C-alpha cells in the first residue's frame, strides 16, 4: 500500500492520439495569441505604479467606503486624482495621484489628501503611500521586458545545449505563445501589471519549461529505443508515458496556488490568478503546441532513417 500510488489522474498505459489534434491545437493557440496581442494595445494593460509612475495611497475607513464622498473631498482641496478604487475589503480604498515633479511636491500632495480625508471622513487612516517617478517607472518597465527577453534566450540556449535544435525552437516558440496568452489574460481581467506580475510570468516560464523538458526527455529516450517507430507515433507514446507525471505536477501547483487566489488578499491574489492561468496554459501547450512543432521540425531530420512500417499503438512498446 505504501509502494503503489493511491490515486492516479490518468490510467496507466493510455493510448491517446494527441497528434491527431495537432492542427486544431496550433490554430487555437495562434488565434488566442493574436487576440492577446491586440488586447495588449487595445485596451492595453492596467499598468501599476511601478510602470506608470505616480502616487498610490491606501486608505482605510470606518465602515464601507463612500467613494462619492472621497472624490468630493479631494475636489474641495483641488487634488487632481487619477482614480479612487476599492482595494480588498469594502473599507479599504486606493487613491491614485499624478506623478509629482519633485519629492517636496509628493509630500505636499500626500498632506493635501490627509487634510481632505480628516475634514470629510472621520476615522479614515492612510495605511500606505507609494510614490514612483516617471523616469524610474520607465526604467522599471524596460528592465522588466529585458528580464523576460533574457529568460527566453537562456531557455533557448539551455534546451539547445541539452537537446537538438528542433527541441529548442519548439520550446521557445511555445513559451512565447504562453507569455502572449498571459498578457491577454492580464488585459481582460484588468489585474494591475507591475513587478509582481513580471515575477508571475517568469515563474510561469520556469514551470512551463520544466514541463516541456519532461516530455522532451522521454521523446529523446524513445528515439534511441525505438529506431524505426515513426516520429508521430513516438511523440504520442512519449506524452502518454509522461501523462501521469505531467498532470500530477500541474494539479499539485494548481491546488497550492488556488487558496492564494481565493483568500490571499488583494496584494497576492493577482499573482496567484496569473499562476493558475499559466499552469493550465503551460500544461496544455506542452502537449498540443510544443509536441506538434517538434513533429513538424523533426519529422524529416530526427527520423531520416525511418522505413515505412505499420503505425503501432502509442501505449504498446515496439521492439527496435
C-alpha atoms as a PDB file:
ATOM      1  CA  UNK A   1       0.000   0.000   0.000  1.00  0.00           C
ATOM      2  CA  UNK A   2       2.998   2.293   0.513  1.00  0.00           C
ATOM      3  CA  UNK A   3       4.581   1.498  -2.847  1.00  0.00           C
ATOM      4  CA  UNK A   4       1.597   1.744  -5.187  1.00  0.00           C
ATOM      5  CA  UNK A   5       0.065   5.224  -5.598  1.00  0.00           C
ATOM      6  CA  UNK A   6      -3.370   5.581  -4.065  1.00  0.00           C
ATOM      7  CA  UNK A   7      -4.662   7.948  -6.743  1.00  0.00           C
ATOM      8  CA  UNK A   8      -3.756   8.433 -10.383  1.00  0.00           C
ATOM      9  CA  UNK A   9      -5.056  11.271 -12.503  1.00  0.00           C
ATOM     10  CA  UNK A  10      -4.820   9.161 -15.655  1.00  0.00           C
ATOM     11  CA  UNK A  11      -4.866   5.372 -16.115  1.00  0.00           C
ATOM     12  CA  UNK A  12      -1.643   3.550 -16.881  1.00  0.00           C
ATOM     13  CA  UNK A  13      -0.771   2.658 -20.479  1.00  0.00           C
ATOM     14  CA  UNK A  14      -3.019   5.257 -22.096  1.00  0.00           C
ATOM     15  CA  UNK A  15      -3.068   5.324 -25.891  1.00  0.00           C
ATOM     16  CA  UNK A  16      -4.355   8.806 -26.667  1.00  0.00           C
ATOM     17  CA  UNK A  17      -3.600  10.022 -30.203  1.00  0.00           C
ATOM     18  CA  UNK A  18      -2.608  13.561 -29.248  1.00  0.00           C
ATOM     19  CA  UNK A  19      -1.017  14.323 -32.608  1.00  0.00           C
ATOM     20  CA  UNK A  20      -4.371  13.858 -34.336  1.00  0.00           C
ATOM     21  CA  UNK A  21      -5.321  17.226 -32.824  1.00  0.00           C
ATOM     22  CA  UNK A  22      -2.071  18.989 -33.666  1.00  0.00           C
ATOM     23  CA  UNK A  23      -3.575  21.275 -36.328  1.00  0.00           C
ATOM     24  CA  UNK A  24      -6.504  22.273 -34.114  1.00  0.00           C
ATOM     25  CA  UNK A  25      -4.163  22.951 -31.209  1.00  0.00           C
ATOM     26  CA  UNK A  26      -1.861  25.171 -33.259  1.00  0.00           C
ATOM     27  CA  UNK A  27      -4.769  27.079 -34.835  1.00  0.00           C
ATOM     28  CA  UNK A  28      -6.485  27.722 -31.490  1.00  0.00           C
ATOM     29  CA  UNK A  29      -3.192  28.820 -29.944  1.00  0.00           C
ATOM     30  CA  UNK A  30      -2.471  31.184 -32.837  1.00  0.00           C
ATOM     31  CA  UNK A  31      -5.940  32.735 -32.551  1.00  0.00           C
ATOM     32  CA  UNK A  32      -5.649  33.226 -28.779  1.00  0.00           C
ATOM     33  CA  UNK A  33      -2.150  34.688 -29.039  1.00  0.00           C
ATOM     34  CA  UNK A  34      -3.201  37.061 -31.842  1.00  0.00           C
ATOM     35  CA  UNK A  35      -6.183  38.215 -29.785  1.00  0.00           C
ATOM     36  CA  UNK A  36      -3.854  38.717 -26.800  1.00  0.00           C
ATOM     37  CA  UNK A  37      -1.510  40.915 -28.847  1.00  0.00           C
ATOM     38  CA  UNK A  38      -4.499  43.016 -29.930  1.00  0.00           C
ATOM     39  CA  UNK A  39      -5.646  43.311 -26.305  1.00  0.00           C
ATOM     40  CA  UNK A  40      -2.127  44.431 -25.356  1.00  0.00           C
ATOM     41  CA  UNK A  41      -2.641  47.544 -27.498  1.00  0.00           C
ATOM     42  CA  UNK A  42      -6.417  47.927 -27.053  1.00  0.00           C
ATOM     43  CA  UNK A  43      -7.421  48.415 -24.269  1.00  0.00           C
ATOM     44  CA  UNK A  44      -3.881  47.734 -23.055  1.00  0.00           C
ATOM     45  CA  UNK A  45      -2.567  46.631 -19.703  1.00  0.00           C
ATOM     46  CA  UNK A  46      -3.651  48.122 -16.406  1.00  0.00           C
ATOM     47  CA  UNK A  47      -0.202  49.410 -15.504  1.00  0.00           C
ATOM     48  CA  UNK A  48       0.565  49.585 -11.814  1.00  0.00           C
ATOM     49  CA  UNK A  49       2.527  52.321 -10.146  1.00  0.00           C
ATOM     50  CA  UNK A  50       5.804  50.501 -10.838  1.00  0.00           C
ATOM     51  CA  UNK A  51       5.398  51.131 -14.571  1.00  0.00           C
ATOM     52  CA  UNK A  52       3.016  54.111 -14.832  1.00  0.00           C
ATOM     53  CA  UNK A  53       4.511  56.289 -12.119  1.00  0.00           C
ATOM     54  CA  UNK A  54       2.591  58.454  -9.669  1.00  0.00           C
ATOM     55  CA  UNK A  55       1.414  58.191  -6.082  1.00  0.00           C
ATOM     56  CA  UNK A  56      -0.713  55.408  -4.641  1.00  0.00           C
ATOM     57  CA  UNK A  57      -2.251  55.797  -1.189  1.00  0.00           C
ATOM     58  CA  UNK A  58      -4.015  53.000   0.650  1.00  0.00           C
ATOM     59  CA  UNK A  59      -6.730  54.420   2.887  1.00  0.00           C
ATOM     60  CA  UNK A  60      -8.818  52.544   5.465  1.00  0.00           C
ATOM     61  CA  UNK A  61     -12.153  53.946   6.629  1.00  0.00           C
ATOM     62  CA  UNK A  62     -14.556  53.155   9.450  1.00  0.00           C
ATOM     63  CA  UNK A  63     -17.154  51.021   7.744  1.00  0.00           C
ATOM     64  CA  UNK A  64     -17.752  50.728   3.985  1.00  0.00           C
ATOM     65  CA  UNK A  65     -16.021  53.453   1.993  1.00  0.00           C
ATOM     66  CA  UNK A  66     -18.148  56.163   0.376  1.00  0.00           C
ATOM     67  CA  UNK A  67     -16.400  56.739  -2.958  1.00  0.00           C
ATOM     68  CA  UNK A  68     -18.511  59.740  -3.889  1.00  0.00           C
ATOM     69  CA  UNK A  69     -17.679  61.436  -0.613  1.00  0.00           C
ATOM     70  CA  UNK A  70     -13.964  60.718  -1.025  1.00  0.00           C
ATOM     71  CA  UNK A  71     -13.925  62.168  -4.543  1.00  0.00           C
ATOM     72  CA  UNK A  72     -15.782  65.254  -3.325  1.00  0.00           C
ATOM     73  CA  UNK A  73     -13.287  65.759  -0.507  1.00  0.00           C
ATOM     74  CA  UNK A  74     -10.371  65.554  -2.951  1.00  0.00           C
ATOM     75  CA  UNK A  75     -12.058  68.002  -5.306  1.00  0.00           C
ATOM     76  CA  UNK A  76     -12.519  70.539  -2.485  1.00  0.00           C
ATOM     77  CA  UNK A  77      -8.757  70.510  -1.910  1.00  0.00           C
ATOM     78  CA  UNK A  78      -8.141  70.862  -5.690  1.00  0.00           C
ATOM     79  CA  UNK A  79      -6.444  67.475  -5.871  1.00  0.00           C
ATOM     80  CA  UNK A  80      -6.359  66.026  -9.392  1.00  0.00           C
ATOM     81  CA  UNK A  81      -6.854  62.342  -8.591  1.00  0.00           C
ATOM     82  CA  UNK A  82      -6.379  59.715 -11.289  1.00  0.00           C
ATOM     83  CA  UNK A  83      -8.686  57.218  -9.650  1.00  0.00           C
ATOM     84  CA  UNK A  84     -10.326  56.021  -6.466  1.00  0.00           C
ATOM     85  CA  UNK A  85     -10.982  52.295  -6.273  1.00  0.00           C
ATOM     86  CA  UNK A  86     -11.760  49.539  -3.799  1.00  0.00           C
ATOM     87  CA  UNK A  87      -8.785  47.515  -2.615  1.00  0.00           C
ATOM     88  CA  UNK A  88      -9.544  44.230  -0.883  1.00  0.00           C
ATOM     89  CA  UNK A  89     -12.385  44.656   1.608  1.00  0.00           C
ATOM     90  CA  UNK A  90     -15.142  47.278   1.461  1.00  0.00           C
ATOM     91  CA  UNK A  91     -13.408  49.616   3.939  1.00  0.00           C
ATOM     92  CA  UNK A  92     -10.094  49.878   2.055  1.00  0.00           C
ATOM     93  CA  UNK A  93      -9.566  52.306  -0.824  1.00  0.00           C
ATOM     94  CA  UNK A  94      -6.709  53.090  -3.207  1.00  0.00           C
ATOM     95  CA  UNK A  95      -6.269  56.725  -4.218  1.00  0.00           C
ATOM     96  CA  UNK A  96      -4.067  57.384  -7.242  1.00  0.00           C
ATOM     97  CA  UNK A  97      -2.447  60.764  -7.860  1.00  0.00           C
ATOM     98  CA  UNK A  98      -0.376  62.022 -10.791  1.00  0.00           C
ATOM     99  CA  UNK A  99       3.412  61.978 -10.718  1.00  0.00           C
ATOM    100  CA  UNK A 100       4.856  64.996  -8.914  1.00  0.00           C
ATOM    101  CA  UNK A 101       7.948  66.731 -10.324  1.00  0.00           C
ATOM    102  CA  UNK A 102       9.819  66.812  -7.001  1.00  0.00           C
ATOM    103  CA  UNK A 103       9.925  64.939  -3.713  1.00  0.00           C
ATOM    104  CA  UNK A 104       8.640  68.041  -1.964  1.00  0.00           C
ATOM    105  CA  UNK A 105       5.683  68.089  -4.339  1.00  0.00           C
ATOM    106  CA  UNK A 106       4.916  64.481  -3.443  1.00  0.00           C
ATOM    107  CA  UNK A 107       4.895  65.326   0.264  1.00  0.00           C
ATOM    108  CA  UNK A 108       2.586  68.292  -0.361  1.00  0.00           C
ATOM    109  CA  UNK A 109       0.142  66.123  -2.362  1.00  0.00           C
ATOM    110  CA  UNK A 110       0.068  63.500   0.408  1.00  0.00           C
ATOM    111  CA  UNK A 111      -0.551  66.201   3.020  1.00  0.00           C
ATOM    112  CA  UNK A 112      -3.453  67.584   0.994  1.00  0.00           C
ATOM    113  CA  UNK A 113      -5.052  64.161   0.761  1.00  0.00           C
ATOM    114  CA  UNK A 114      -4.631  63.627   4.514  1.00  0.00           C
ATOM    115  CA  UNK A 115      -6.227  67.017   5.201  1.00  0.00           C
ATOM    116  CA  UNK A 116      -9.146  66.314   2.846  1.00  0.00           C
ATOM    117  CA  UNK A 117      -9.827  62.952   4.465  1.00  0.00           C
ATOM    118  CA  UNK A 118      -9.652  64.359   8.019  1.00  0.00           C
ATOM    119  CA  UNK A 119     -12.217  67.028   7.108  1.00  0.00           C
ATOM    120  CA  UNK A 120     -14.727  64.754   5.402  1.00  0.00           C
ATOM    121  CA  UNK A 121     -14.196  61.230   6.771  1.00  0.00           C
ATOM    122  CA  UNK A 122     -13.866  60.721  10.498  1.00  0.00           C
ATOM    123  CA  UNK A 123     -11.583  57.826  11.400  1.00  0.00           C
ATOM    124  CA  UNK A 124     -10.006  57.467   7.944  1.00  0.00           C
ATOM    125  CA  UNK A 125      -6.349  56.435   8.082  1.00  0.00           C
ATOM    126  CA  UNK A 126      -3.649  56.435   5.437  1.00  0.00           C
ATOM    127  CA  UNK A 127      -2.108  52.970   5.725  1.00  0.00           C
ATOM    128  CA  UNK A 128       0.448  53.063   2.918  1.00  0.00           C
ATOM    129  CA  UNK A 129       1.955  55.559   0.484  1.00  0.00           C
ATOM    130  CA  UNK A 130       3.930  54.518  -2.615  1.00  0.00           C
ATOM    131  CA  UNK A 131       5.475  57.075  -4.952  1.00  0.00           C
ATOM    132  CA  UNK A 132       7.370  56.345  -8.183  1.00  0.00           C
ATOM    133  CA  UNK A 133       8.691  58.983 -10.567  1.00  0.00           C
ATOM    134  CA  UNK A 134       8.191  58.895 -14.330  1.00  0.00           C
ATOM    135  CA  UNK A 135      11.853  58.172 -15.083  1.00  0.00           C
ATOM    136  CA  UNK A 136      12.005  55.365 -12.530  1.00  0.00           C
ATOM    137  CA  UNK A 137       8.781  53.772 -13.831  1.00  0.00           C
ATOM    138  CA  UNK A 138      10.011  53.784 -17.440  1.00  0.00           C
ATOM    139  CA  UNK A 139      13.310  52.234 -16.339  1.00  0.00           C
ATOM    140  CA  UNK A 140      11.474  49.528 -14.386  1.00  0.00           C
ATOM    141  CA  UNK A 141       9.312  48.762 -17.432  1.00  0.00           C
ATOM    142  CA  UNK A 142      12.386  48.398 -19.670  1.00  0.00           C
ATOM    143  CA  UNK A 143      14.114  46.214 -17.092  1.00  0.00           C
ATOM    144  CA  UNK A 144      11.005  44.023 -16.791  1.00  0.00           C
ATOM    145  CA  UNK A 145      10.898  43.449 -20.551  1.00  0.00           C
ATOM    146  CA  UNK A 146      14.653  42.862 -20.551  1.00  0.00           C
ATOM    147  CA  UNK A 147      14.250  40.201 -17.846  1.00  0.00           C
ATOM    148  CA  UNK A 148      11.637  38.387 -19.934  1.00  0.00           C
ATOM    149  CA  UNK A 149      13.809  38.554 -23.051  1.00  0.00           C
ATOM    150  CA  UNK A 150      16.929  37.300 -21.273  1.00  0.00           C
ATOM    151  CA  UNK A 151      14.994  34.428 -19.697  1.00  0.00           C
ATOM    152  CA  UNK A 152      13.754  33.295 -23.121  1.00  0.00           C
ATOM    153  CA  UNK A 153      17.279  33.440 -24.549  1.00  0.00           C
ATOM    154  CA  UNK A 154      18.680  31.449 -21.631  1.00  0.00           C
ATOM    155  CA  UNK A 155      15.950  28.840 -22.020  1.00  0.00           C
ATOM    156  CA  UNK A 156      16.740  28.613 -25.749  1.00  0.00           C
ATOM    157  CA  UNK A 157      20.442  28.127 -25.014  1.00  0.00           C
ATOM    158  CA  UNK A 158      19.789  25.531 -22.309  1.00  0.00           C
ATOM    159  CA  UNK A 159      17.439  23.371 -24.380  1.00  0.00           C
ATOM    160  CA  UNK A 160      19.613  23.760 -27.491  1.00  0.00           C
ATOM    161  CA  UNK A 161      22.618  22.560 -25.479  1.00  0.00           C
ATOM    162  CA  UNK A 162      20.687  19.677 -23.911  1.00  0.00           C
ATOM    163  CA  UNK A 163      18.686  18.593 -26.980  1.00  0.00           C
ATOM    164  CA  UNK A 164      18.741  19.068 -30.739  1.00  0.00           C
ATOM    165  CA  UNK A 165      17.849  22.475 -32.167  1.00  0.00           C
ATOM    166  CA  UNK A 166      14.365  21.281 -33.139  1.00  0.00           C
ATOM    167  CA  UNK A 167      13.544  20.842 -29.450  1.00  0.00           C
ATOM    168  CA  UNK A 168      14.874  24.304 -28.575  1.00  0.00           C
ATOM    169  CA  UNK A 169      12.914  26.101 -31.286  1.00  0.00           C
ATOM    170  CA  UNK A 170       9.736  24.250 -30.395  1.00  0.00           C
ATOM    171  CA  UNK A 171      10.091  25.084 -26.692  1.00  0.00           C
ATOM    172  CA  UNK A 172      10.881  28.783 -27.154  1.00  0.00           C
ATOM    173  CA  UNK A 173       8.106  29.352 -29.708  1.00  0.00           C
ATOM    174  CA  UNK A 174       5.668  27.675 -27.334  1.00  0.00           C
ATOM    175  CA  UNK A 175       6.883  29.755 -24.389  1.00  0.00           C
ATOM    176  CA  UNK A 176       6.428  32.961 -26.382  1.00  0.00           C
ATOM    177  CA  UNK A 177       2.861  31.901 -27.151  1.00  0.00           C
ATOM    178  CA  UNK A 178       2.326  31.147 -23.446  1.00  0.00           C
ATOM    179  CA  UNK A 179       3.563  34.618 -22.476  1.00  0.00           C
ATOM    180  CA  UNK A 180       1.298  36.360 -25.007  1.00  0.00           C
ATOM    181  CA  UNK A 181      -1.706  34.475 -23.602  1.00  0.00           C
ATOM    182  CA  UNK A 182      -0.755  35.552 -20.072  1.00  0.00           C
ATOM    183  CA  UNK A 183      -0.579  39.158 -21.299  1.00  0.00           C
ATOM    184  CA  UNK A 184      -4.050  38.775 -22.828  1.00  0.00           C
ATOM    185  CA  UNK A 185      -5.347  37.370 -19.544  1.00  0.00           C
ATOM    186  CA  UNK A 186      -3.987  40.411 -17.693  1.00  0.00           C
ATOM    187  CA  UNK A 187      -5.572  42.761 -20.236  1.00  0.00           C
ATOM    188  CA  UNK A 188      -9.002  41.094 -19.907  1.00  0.00           C
ATOM    189  CA  UNK A 189      -9.052  40.779 -16.117  1.00  0.00           C
ATOM    190  CA  UNK A 190      -7.543  44.267 -15.584  1.00  0.00           C
ATOM    191  CA  UNK A 191      -5.193  42.914 -12.947  1.00  0.00           C
ATOM    192  CA  UNK A 192      -2.509  45.502 -12.268  1.00  0.00           C
ATOM    193  CA  UNK A 193       0.621  44.832 -14.284  1.00  0.00           C
ATOM    194  CA  UNK A 194       3.541  45.603 -12.004  1.00  0.00           C
ATOM    195  CA  UNK A 195       6.795  43.980 -10.931  1.00  0.00           C
ATOM    196  CA  UNK A 196       4.833  41.247  -9.154  1.00  0.00           C
ATOM    197  CA  UNK A 197       3.220  40.302 -12.475  1.00  0.00           C
ATOM    198  CA  UNK A 198       6.648  40.193 -14.126  1.00  0.00           C
ATOM    199  CA  UNK A 199       7.671  37.741 -11.405  1.00  0.00           C
ATOM    200  CA  UNK A 200       4.492  35.721 -12.081  1.00  0.00           C
ATOM    201  CA  UNK A 201       5.254  35.499 -15.811  1.00  0.00           C
ATOM    202  CA  UNK A 202       8.856  34.465 -15.114  1.00  0.00           C
ATOM    203  CA  UNK A 203       7.543  31.782 -12.744  1.00  0.00           C
ATOM    204  CA  UNK A 204       5.184  30.551 -15.469  1.00  0.00           C
ATOM    205  CA  UNK A 205       8.114  30.366 -17.898  1.00  0.00           C
ATOM    206  CA  UNK A 206      10.097  28.276 -15.434  1.00  0.00           C
ATOM    207  CA  UNK A 207       7.214  25.907 -14.754  1.00  0.00           C
ATOM    208  CA  UNK A 208       6.300  25.568 -18.427  1.00  0.00           C
ATOM    209  CA  UNK A 209       9.940  24.917 -19.381  1.00  0.00           C
ATOM    210  CA  UNK A 210      10.212  22.150 -16.792  1.00  0.00           C
ATOM    211  CA  UNK A 211       7.018  20.559 -18.095  1.00  0.00           C
ATOM    212  CA  UNK A 212       8.283  20.557 -21.668  1.00  0.00           C
ATOM    213  CA  UNK A 213      11.697  19.196 -20.701  1.00  0.00           C
ATOM    214  CA  UNK A 214       9.978  16.201 -19.074  1.00  0.00           C
ATOM    215  CA  UNK A 215       8.185  15.361 -22.333  1.00  0.00           C
ATOM    216  CA  UNK A 216      11.257  16.099 -24.459  1.00  0.00           C
ATOM    217  CA  UNK A 217      13.417  13.850 -22.274  1.00  0.00           C
ATOM    218  CA  UNK A 218      11.071  10.944 -22.882  1.00  0.00           C
ATOM    219  CA  UNK A 219      10.974  11.682 -26.629  1.00  0.00           C
ATOM    220  CA  UNK A 220      14.784  11.604 -26.755  1.00  0.00           C
ATOM    221  CA  UNK A 221      14.915   8.338 -24.819  1.00  0.00           C
ATOM    222  CA  UNK A 222      12.361   6.768 -27.134  1.00  0.00           C
ATOM    223  CA  UNK A 223      14.239   7.992 -30.217  1.00  0.00           C
ATOM    224  CA  UNK A 224      17.163   5.848 -29.092  1.00  0.00           C
ATOM    225  CA  UNK A 225      14.988   2.956 -28.003  1.00  0.00           C
ATOM    226  CA  UNK A 226      12.645   2.639 -30.996  1.00  0.00           C
ATOM    227  CA  UNK A 227      14.796   3.070 -34.066  1.00  0.00           C
ATOM    228  CA  UNK A 228      12.073   2.634 -36.696  1.00  0.00           C
ATOM    229  CA  UNK A 229       8.958   3.965 -34.977  1.00  0.00           C
ATOM    230  CA  UNK A 230       7.525   6.946 -36.913  1.00  0.00           C
ATOM    231  CA  UNK A 231       8.073  10.221 -35.081  1.00  0.00           C
ATOM    232  CA  UNK A 232       4.354  10.966 -34.868  1.00  0.00           C
ATOM    233  CA  UNK A 233       3.669   7.708 -33.021  1.00  0.00           C
ATOM    234  CA  UNK A 234       6.786   8.086 -30.918  1.00  0.00           C
ATOM    235  CA  UNK A 235       5.689  11.525 -29.675  1.00  0.00           C
ATOM    236  CA  UNK A 236       2.230  10.164 -28.845  1.00  0.00           C
ATOM    237  CA  UNK A 237       3.866   7.318 -26.940  1.00  0.00           C
ATOM    238  CA  UNK A 238       6.145   9.707 -25.026  1.00  0.00           C
ATOM    239  CA  UNK A 239       3.281  12.003 -23.999  1.00  0.00           C
ATOM    240  CA  UNK A 240       1.204   9.046 -22.833  1.00  0.00           C
ATOM    241  CA  UNK A 241       4.115   7.708 -20.793  1.00  0.00           C
ATOM    242  CA  UNK A 242       4.628  11.051 -19.009  1.00  0.00           C
ATOM    243  CA  UNK A 243       0.941  11.968 -18.750  1.00  0.00           C
ATOM    244  CA  UNK A 244       0.532  10.995 -15.090  1.00  0.00           C
ATOM    245  CA  UNK A 245       3.621  12.937 -14.063  1.00  0.00           C
ATOM    246  CA  UNK A 246       2.531  15.989 -16.055  1.00  0.00           C
ATOM    247  CA  UNK A 247      -0.991  16.014 -14.629  1.00  0.00           C
ATOM    248  CA  UNK A 248       0.230  15.255 -11.104  1.00  0.00           C
ATOM    249  CA  UNK A 249       2.719  18.138 -11.099  1.00  0.00           C
ATOM    250  CA  UNK A 250       0.202  20.543 -12.613  1.00  0.00           C
ATOM    251  CA  UNK A 251      -2.500  19.583 -10.131  1.00  0.00           C
ATOM    252  CA  UNK A 252      -0.117  19.993  -7.185  1.00  0.00           C
ATOM    253  CA  UNK A 253       0.930  23.513  -8.211  1.00  0.00           C
ATOM    254  CA  UNK A 254      -2.668  24.405  -9.107  1.00  0.00           C
ATOM    255  CA  UNK A 255      -4.025  23.337  -5.716  1.00  0.00           C
ATOM    256  CA  UNK A 256      -1.199  25.173  -3.936  1.00  0.00           C
ATOM    257  CA  UNK A 257      -1.997  28.414  -5.808  1.00  0.00           C
ATOM    258  CA  UNK A 258      -5.795  28.232  -5.575  1.00  0.00           C
ATOM    259  CA  UNK A 259      -6.088  29.213  -1.865  1.00  0.00           C
ATOM    260  CA  UNK A 260      -3.814  32.218  -2.509  1.00  0.00           C
ATOM    261  CA  UNK A 261      -6.087  33.344  -5.341  1.00  0.00           C
ATOM    262  CA  UNK A 262      -9.253  32.941  -3.278  1.00  0.00           C
ATOM    263  CA  UNK A 263      -8.105  34.096   0.162  1.00  0.00           C
ATOM    264  CA  UNK A 264      -4.710  35.733  -0.316  1.00  0.00           C
ATOM    265  CA  UNK A 265      -5.965  39.301  -0.365  1.00  0.00           C
ATOM    266  CA  UNK A 266      -5.509  41.971  -2.987  1.00  0.00           C
ATOM    267  CA  UNK A 267      -1.731  42.081  -2.623  1.00  0.00           C
ATOM    268  CA  UNK A 268      -1.149  38.442  -3.643  1.00  0.00           C
ATOM    269  CA  UNK A 269      -4.348  37.263  -5.351  1.00  0.00           C
ATOM    270  CA  UNK A 270      -3.385  38.788  -8.714  1.00  0.00           C
ATOM    271  CA  UNK A 271      -0.118  36.844  -8.729  1.00  0.00           C
ATOM    272  CA  UNK A 272      -1.979  33.634  -7.851  1.00  0.00           C
ATOM    273  CA  UNK A 273      -4.648  34.055 -10.562  1.00  0.00           C
ATOM    274  CA  UNK A 274      -1.970  34.582 -13.202  1.00  0.00           C
ATOM    275  CA  UNK A 275      -0.182  31.484 -11.907  1.00  0.00           C
ATOM    276  CA  UNK A 276      -3.384  29.404 -12.178  1.00  0.00           C
ATOM    277  CA  UNK A 277      -3.905  30.568 -15.740  1.00  0.00           C
ATOM    278  CA  UNK A 278      -0.266  29.895 -16.592  1.00  0.00           C
ATOM    279  CA  UNK A 279      -0.411  26.362 -15.192  1.00  0.00           C
ATOM    280  CA  UNK A 280      -3.374  25.480 -17.419  1.00  0.00           C
ATOM    281  CA  UNK A 281      -1.821  27.108 -20.486  1.00  0.00           C
ATOM    282  CA  UNK A 282       1.666  25.675 -19.860  1.00  0.00           C
ATOM    283  CA  UNK A 283       0.408  22.127 -19.355  1.00  0.00           C
ATOM    284  CA  UNK A 284      -1.803  22.139 -22.444  1.00  0.00           C
ATOM    285  CA  UNK A 285       0.847  23.806 -24.608  1.00  0.00           C
ATOM    286  CA  UNK A 286       3.371  21.061 -23.790  1.00  0.00           C
ATOM    287  CA  UNK A 287       1.028  18.544 -25.424  1.00  0.00           C
ATOM    288  CA  UNK A 288      -0.762  20.471 -28.149  1.00  0.00           C
ATOM    289  CA  UNK A 289       1.813  23.126 -29.144  1.00  0.00           C
ATOM    290  CA  UNK A 290       5.384  22.107 -28.301  1.00  0.00           C
ATOM    291  CA  UNK A 291       4.941  18.500 -29.420  1.00  0.00           C
ATOM    292  CA  UNK A 292       3.345  19.343 -32.821  1.00  0.00           C
ATOM    293  CA  UNK A 293       6.076  21.928 -33.515  1.00  0.00           C
ATOM    294  CA  UNK A 294       8.691  19.273 -32.749  1.00  0.00           C
ATOM    295  CA  UNK A 295       6.891  16.897 -35.111  1.00  0.00           C
ATOM    296  CA  UNK A 296       6.866  19.423 -37.977  1.00  0.00           C
ATOM    297  CA  UNK A 297      10.516  20.414 -37.483  1.00  0.00           C
ATOM    298  CA  UNK A 298      11.933  16.967 -36.815  1.00  0.00           C
ATOM    299  CA  UNK A 299       9.907  14.582 -38.953  1.00  0.00           C
ATOM    300  CA  UNK A 300      12.500  14.621 -41.749  1.00  0.00           C
ATOM    301  CA  UNK A 301      15.589  15.202 -39.580  1.00  0.00           C
ATOM    302  CA  UNK A 302      15.130  13.156 -36.429  1.00  0.00           C
ATOM    303  CA  UNK A 303      13.810  10.181 -38.387  1.00  0.00           C
ATOM    304  CA  UNK A 304      15.706  10.311 -41.677  1.00  0.00           C
ATOM    305  CA  UNK A 305      16.476   6.607 -41.434  1.00  0.00           C
ATOM    306  CA  UNK A 306      12.885   5.582 -40.711  1.00  0.00           C
ATOM    307  CA  UNK A 307      11.419   2.984 -43.030  1.00  0.00           C
ATOM    308  CA  UNK A 308       7.760   2.516 -43.791  1.00  0.00           C
ATOM    309  CA  UNK A 309       6.258   0.412 -41.007  1.00  0.00           C
ATOM    310  CA  UNK A 310       2.812  -0.184 -39.688  1.00  0.00           C
ATOM    311  CA  UNK A 311       1.935   2.505 -37.114  1.00  0.00           C
ATOM    312  CA  UNK A 312       1.984   0.953 -33.612  1.00  0.00           C
ATOM    313  CA  UNK A 313      -0.347   1.802 -30.811  1.00  0.00           C
ATOM    314  CA  UNK A 314       1.188   4.611 -28.686  1.00  0.00           C
ATOM    315  CA  UNK A 315       0.872   2.583 -25.492  1.00  0.00           C
ATOM    316  CA  UNK A 316       2.440  -0.567 -26.937  1.00  0.00           C
ATOM    317  CA  UNK A 317       6.227  -0.889 -26.946  1.00  0.00           C
ATOM    318  CA  UNK A 318       7.740  -1.807 -30.304  1.00  0.00           C
ATOM    319  CA  UNK A 319      10.965  -3.734 -30.404  1.00  0.00           C
ATOM    320  CA  UNK A 320      13.889  -1.947 -32.087  1.00  0.00           C
END
